[in-house]
Amino acid sequence: MNAWLSTPVAAVFAAAFGAVIGSFLNVVIWRLPRGESLWRPRSRCPGCAQPIPAWANVPIVSWLWLRGRCAACGVAIPVRYPLVELATAALFAALFLHLGPGARLLATWLAGAALVAIAFIDAEHWIIPDEITLPGIPIGLAFAWFAPEPTLGSALAGVVVVGGGMWVLSLAAEWWYGHVALGMGDVKLVAMLGAFLGAEPALGVILVGSLFGLLQALPALLVGSAGRRSRIPFGAALAAAGILHLYAPGAARGLVAQLAALAGA
């Protein structure tokens, strides 16, 4: 049994499971910002509101088969849907191959799914739902209680010290600029990342997320359509950095080291 779980076939099953979770994340991304129930009614076309039959709701495959259009009315279905499903499938398979079955894999899958949803919601709506981050904090701490990496102490420090430090930074930025510059959604997201990853990785995610945010804003800054006080969906950048750490913690640590070396140069 253990040998079978380490085979590529098992990774394919992990990817298929990830695609199904990605299909649910599409529901979360669409409905949660609109205050709609995640459970009722069943999945429906955003154009004609007709329920989507099971054969037209197979992750990735149905969108390709229908050429990205609703089977009932023919309205275009955004490419975001298969992209979310494909990204979640790849993430779940990669994490399975890296971690193997166990409590830590389940915790990392949960964190990864939450970050995918947050990234797309914040990029489109400029909000980070409390419905994801606030439950994520105790869930991350609960996994740290019985699953190694991070330890419970590191997870608690991630919530209190790193999340609290982000809150202080938010207050300082608001005082300095005279308006909200770093939202409480970002603070709660960092606290959730601290619970799942631990204190030191959460700090690294903030640094890498800041770099991603800068790269996100750079084109608008270069063409003059944005200024220093222009807003960016920083939660999406933090979520992307968190996913990078989950997917390739070595690469994330290396990027942080490079940033530290550049800062000290």
Protein backbone atom coordinates (compact mmCIF):
# COMPACT_ATOMS: atom_id res chain seq x y z
CA MET A 1 0.00 0.00 0.00
CA ASN A 2 2.74 2.47 0.95
CA ALA A 3 4.68 1.60 -2.20
CA TRP A 4 1.60 2.26 -4.34
CA LEU A 5 1.13 5.65 -2.71
CA SER A 6 4.58 6.70 -3.92
CA THR A 7 3.93 5.87 -7.58
CA PRO A 8 3.17 8.36 -10.36
CA VAL A 9 -0.28 6.78 -10.64
CA ALA A 10 -1.08 8.04 -7.16
CA ALA A 11 0.12 11.49 -8.17
CA VAL A 12 -2.37 11.39 -11.06
CA PHE A 13 -5.14 10.68 -8.55
CA ALA A 14 -3.88 13.59 -6.46
CA ALA A 15 -4.03 15.82 -9.54
CA ALA A 16 -7.57 14.65 -10.31
CA PHE A 17 -8.59 15.41 -6.73
CA GLY A 18 -6.96 18.82 -7.04
CA ALA A 19 -8.92 19.52 -10.23
CA VAL A 20 -12.17 18.72 -8.40
CA ILE A 21 -11.16 21.04 -5.56
CA GLY A 22 -10.29 23.67 -8.17
CA SER A 23 -13.81 23.33 -9.59
CA PHE A 24 -15.19 24.09 -6.13
CA LEU A 25 -12.77 27.00 -5.78
CA ASN A 26 -14.30 28.50 -8.91
CA VAL A 27 -17.63 28.50 -7.08
CA VAL A 28 -15.96 30.16 -4.09
CA ILE A 29 -14.26 32.78 -6.28
CA TRP A 30 -17.53 33.67 -8.00
CA ARG A 31 -20.01 33.49 -5.13
CA LEU A 32 -18.19 34.49 -1.96
CA PRO A 33 -17.52 38.13 -2.94
CA ARG A 34 -21.18 38.42 -3.99
CA GLY A 35 -22.49 37.12 -0.68
CA GLU A 36 -24.07 34.05 -2.28
CA SER A 37 -24.32 30.59 -0.75
CA LEU A 38 -21.55 28.20 -1.72
CA TRP A 39 -23.90 25.23 -1.56
CA ARG A 40 -27.22 26.31 -3.09
CA PRO A 41 -28.30 26.46 -5.82
CA ARG A 42 -26.22 24.03 -7.84
CA SER A 43 -23.66 25.29 -10.36
CA ARG A 44 -25.27 27.42 -13.05
CA CYS A 45 -24.25 29.42 -16.10
CA PRO A 46 -23.43 33.06 -15.23
CA GLY A 47 -25.07 34.11 -18.49
CA CYS A 48 -28.41 32.28 -18.72
CA ALA A 49 -28.53 30.99 -15.09
CA GLN A 50 -29.36 27.49 -16.30
CA PRO A 51 -28.07 24.64 -14.08
CA ILE A 52 -24.94 23.04 -15.51
CA PRO A 53 -25.42 19.32 -16.12
CA ALA A 54 -22.89 16.90 -14.68
CA TRP A 55 -21.42 16.02 -18.08
CA ALA A 56 -20.69 19.72 -18.71
CA ASN A 57 -19.13 20.24 -15.29
CA VAL A 58 -16.11 17.91 -15.50
CA PRO A 59 -13.04 19.93 -14.47
CA ILE A 60 -10.89 21.15 -17.40
CA VAL A 61 -12.28 18.54 -19.82
CA SER A 62 -15.77 20.02 -20.18
CA TRP A 63 -14.45 23.53 -20.82
CA LEU A 64 -12.19 22.22 -23.58
CA TRP A 65 -14.92 19.99 -25.04
CA LEU A 66 -17.40 22.88 -25.16
CA ARG A 67 -14.72 25.28 -26.44
CA GLY A 68 -15.22 27.55 -23.48
CA ARG A 69 -18.94 28.13 -24.00
CA CYS A 70 -22.13 27.31 -22.11
CA ALA A 71 -23.87 24.22 -23.49
CA ALA A 72 -27.29 25.89 -23.09
CA CYS A 73 -26.87 29.46 -24.35
CA GLY A 74 -23.40 29.55 -25.90
CA VAL A 75 -22.14 32.42 -23.76
CA ALA A 76 -18.36 32.44 -23.30
CA ILE A 77 -17.12 30.92 -20.02
CA PRO A 78 -14.00 32.75 -18.76
CA VAL A 79 -10.68 30.96 -19.15
CA ARG A 80 -10.21 31.48 -15.41
CA TYR A 81 -12.27 28.35 -14.78
CA PRO A 82 -9.92 25.79 -16.37
CA LEU A 83 -6.88 27.78 -15.21
CA VAL A 84 -7.95 27.53 -11.55
CA GLU A 85 -8.68 23.82 -11.95
CA LEU A 86 -5.39 23.16 -13.74
CA ALA A 87 -3.34 25.19 -11.25
CA THR A 88 -4.93 23.43 -8.28
CA ALA A 89 -4.41 20.03 -9.91
CA ALA A 90 -0.71 20.77 -10.53
CA LEU A 91 -0.26 22.11 -7.01
CA PHE A 92 -1.90 19.10 -5.37
CA ALA A 93 0.13 16.63 -7.43
CA ALA A 94 3.42 18.44 -6.78
CA LEU A 95 2.76 18.64 -3.04
CA PHE A 96 1.83 14.96 -2.95
CA LEU A 97 5.08 13.97 -4.66
CA HIS A 98 7.08 16.23 -2.35
CA LEU A 99 5.45 15.43 0.99
CA GLY A 100 3.81 12.05 0.58
CA PRO A 101 0.57 11.13 2.33
CA GLY A 102 0.00 12.40 5.86
CA ALA A 103 -1.32 15.21 8.02
CA ARG A 104 1.19 17.73 6.69
CA LEU A 105 0.06 17.05 3.11
CA LEU A 106 -3.57 17.66 4.09
CA ALA A 107 -2.63 20.91 5.85
CA THR A 108 -0.64 22.07 2.82
CA TRP A 109 -3.46 21.17 0.44
CA LEU A 110 -5.88 23.23 2.55
CA ALA A 111 -3.49 26.18 2.66
CA GLY A 112 -2.85 25.97 -1.08
CA ALA A 113 -6.57 25.84 -1.93
CA ALA A 114 -7.25 28.84 0.32
CA LEU A 115 -4.43 30.83 -1.30
CA VAL A 116 -5.63 30.06 -4.83
CA ALA A 117 -9.11 31.35 -3.96
CA ILE A 118 -7.72 34.44 -2.20
CA ALA A 119 -5.41 35.30 -5.11
CA PHE A 120 -8.22 35.32 -7.68
CA ILE A 121 -10.76 37.05 -5.42
CA ASP A 122 -8.38 39.83 -4.41
CA ALA A 123 -7.16 40.34 -7.97
CA GLU A 124 -10.74 40.84 -9.19
CA HIS A 125 -12.56 42.37 -6.23
CA TRP A 126 -9.81 43.88 -4.04
CA ILE A 127 -11.02 41.99 -0.98
CA ILE A 128 -9.68 39.11 1.09
CA PRO A 129 -12.69 37.29 2.56
CA ASP A 130 -12.70 36.78 6.33
CA GLU A 131 -14.61 33.57 5.62
CA ILE A 132 -11.30 32.10 4.40
CA THR A 133 -8.61 33.70 6.56
CA LEU A 134 -10.25 33.69 10.00
CA PRO A 135 -11.09 29.94 10.03
CA GLY A 136 -7.68 29.31 8.45
CA ILE A 137 -5.83 30.61 11.52
CA PRO A 138 -7.17 28.01 14.04
CA ILE A 139 -7.04 25.29 11.39
CA GLY A 140 -3.36 25.99 10.75
CA LEU A 141 -2.64 26.01 14.48
CA ALA A 142 -4.52 22.74 14.93
CA PHE A 143 -2.39 21.03 12.28
CA ALA A 144 0.77 22.41 13.90
CA TRP A 145 -0.31 20.68 17.11
CA PHE A 146 0.15 17.17 15.69
CA ALA A 147 1.93 17.58 12.33
CA PRO A 148 5.62 18.54 12.09
CA GLU A 149 6.85 21.63 10.25
CA PRO A 150 6.02 24.06 11.62
CA THR A 151 6.07 23.42 15.34
CA LEU A 152 3.19 24.78 17.37
CA GLY A 153 5.50 27.42 18.86
CA SER A 154 6.56 28.62 15.42
CA ALA A 155 2.94 28.66 14.22
CA LEU A 156 1.87 30.70 17.25
CA ALA A 157 4.75 33.10 16.65
CA GLY A 158 3.68 33.35 13.03
CA VAL A 159 0.20 34.42 14.09
CA VAL A 160 1.09 36.68 17.02
CA VAL A 161 4.48 38.13 16.06
CA VAL A 162 4.35 38.20 12.26
CA GLY A 163 0.62 38.82 11.98
CA GLY A 164 0.79 41.34 14.83
CA GLY A 165 3.77 43.04 13.21
CA MET A 166 1.79 43.34 9.99
CA TRP A 167 -1.04 44.95 11.96
CA VAL A 168 1.36 47.50 13.49
CA LEU A 169 2.76 48.20 10.02
CA SER A 170 -0.78 48.74 8.77
CA LEU A 171 -1.48 51.28 11.52
CA ALA A 172 1.83 53.05 10.88
CA ALA A 173 1.18 53.24 7.13
CA GLU A 174 -2.30 54.65 7.72
CA TRP A 175 -0.87 57.30 10.05
CA TRP A 176 1.90 58.21 7.60
CA TYR A 177 -0.24 58.45 4.46
CA GLY A 178 -3.43 59.66 6.10
CA HIS A 179 -5.48 56.84 4.61
CA VAL A 180 -5.62 53.05 4.68
CA ALA A 181 -2.53 51.80 2.84
CA LEU A 182 -2.46 48.21 4.05
CA GLY A 183 -5.86 46.64 4.66
CA MET A 184 -6.82 44.40 7.55
CA GLY A 185 -7.48 41.66 5.02
CA ASP A 186 -3.74 41.56 4.33
CA VAL A 187 -3.05 41.40 8.08
CA LYS A 188 -5.40 38.44 8.55
CA LEU A 189 -3.91 36.70 5.51
CA VAL A 190 -0.40 37.03 6.96
CA ALA A 191 -1.65 35.64 10.29
CA MET A 192 -3.14 32.66 8.44
CA LEU A 193 0.13 32.13 6.59
CA GLY A 194 1.97 32.25 9.92
CA ALA A 195 -0.32 29.57 11.34
CA PHE A 196 0.23 27.21 8.41
CA LEU A 197 3.90 27.96 7.63
CA GLY A 198 5.47 29.22 10.86
CA ALA A 199 7.09 32.54 11.70
CA GLU A 200 10.25 32.51 9.56
CA PRO A 201 8.57 31.29 6.33
CA ALA A 202 5.77 33.83 6.84
CA LEU A 203 8.36 36.61 6.97
CA GLY A 204 9.86 35.28 3.75
CA VAL A 205 6.43 35.24 2.13
CA ILE A 206 5.98 38.92 3.02
CA LEU A 207 9.32 39.78 1.39
CA VAL A 208 8.63 37.76 -1.76
CA GLY A 209 5.04 39.02 -1.86
CA SER A 210 6.33 42.59 -1.72
CA LEU A 211 8.56 41.84 -4.71
CA PHE A 212 5.61 40.32 -6.58
CA GLY A 213 3.53 43.39 -5.74
CA LEU A 214 6.25 45.66 -7.09
CA LEU A 215 6.46 43.65 -10.30
CA GLN A 216 2.68 43.83 -10.56
CA ALA A 217 2.69 47.62 -10.27
CA LEU A 218 5.84 48.23 -12.33
CA PRO A 219 4.23 48.40 -15.81
CA ALA A 220 1.69 51.01 -14.63
CA LEU A 221 4.46 52.98 -12.90
CA LEU A 222 6.61 52.96 -16.04
CA VAL A 223 3.84 54.30 -18.27
CA GLY A 224 2.81 56.87 -15.69
CA SER A 225 -0.72 55.56 -15.11
CA ALA A 226 0.02 54.90 -11.42
CA GLY A 227 1.86 56.70 -8.67
CA ARG A 228 3.44 55.82 -5.35
CA ARG A 229 0.05 55.99 -3.64
CA SER A 230 -1.77 53.85 -6.18
CA ARG A 231 -3.31 50.70 -4.78
CA ILE A 232 -2.51 47.17 -5.86
CA PRO A 233 -4.20 43.91 -4.81
CA PHE A 234 -1.41 43.06 -2.37
CA GLY A 235 -3.31 40.03 -1.08
CA ALA A 236 -2.97 38.40 -4.49
CA ALA A 237 0.79 38.99 -4.40
CA LEU A 238 1.03 37.54 -0.86
CA ALA A 239 -1.05 34.53 -1.89
CA ALA A 240 1.19 33.93 -4.92
CA ALA A 241 4.26 34.09 -2.69
CA GLY A 242 2.62 31.67 -0.27
CA ILE A 243 1.88 29.24 -3.09
CA LEU A 244 5.50 29.52 -4.25
CA HIS A 245 6.66 28.60 -0.75
CA LEU A 246 4.30 25.61 -0.62
CA TYR A 247 5.32 24.44 -4.09
CA ALA A 248 9.07 25.12 -3.85
CA PRO A 249 10.19 26.29 -0.40
CA GLY A 250 13.83 26.06 -1.48
CA ALA A 251 13.22 28.48 -4.35
CA ALA A 252 11.36 30.86 -2.05
CA ARG A 253 14.20 30.80 0.51
CA GLY A 254 16.74 31.35 -2.27
CA LEU A 255 14.82 34.36 -3.54
CA VAL A 256 14.69 35.80 -0.02
CA ALA A 257 18.46 35.26 0.30
CA GLN A 258 19.04 37.05 -3.00
CA LEU A 259 16.88 39.98 -1.85
CA ALA A 260 18.80 40.16 1.43
CA ALA A 261 22.12 40.12 -0.45
CA LEU A 262 20.96 42.92 -2.74
CA ALA A 263 19.78 44.96 0.25
CA GLY A 264 23.17 44.56 1.91
CA ALA A 265 25.15 45.36 -1.23
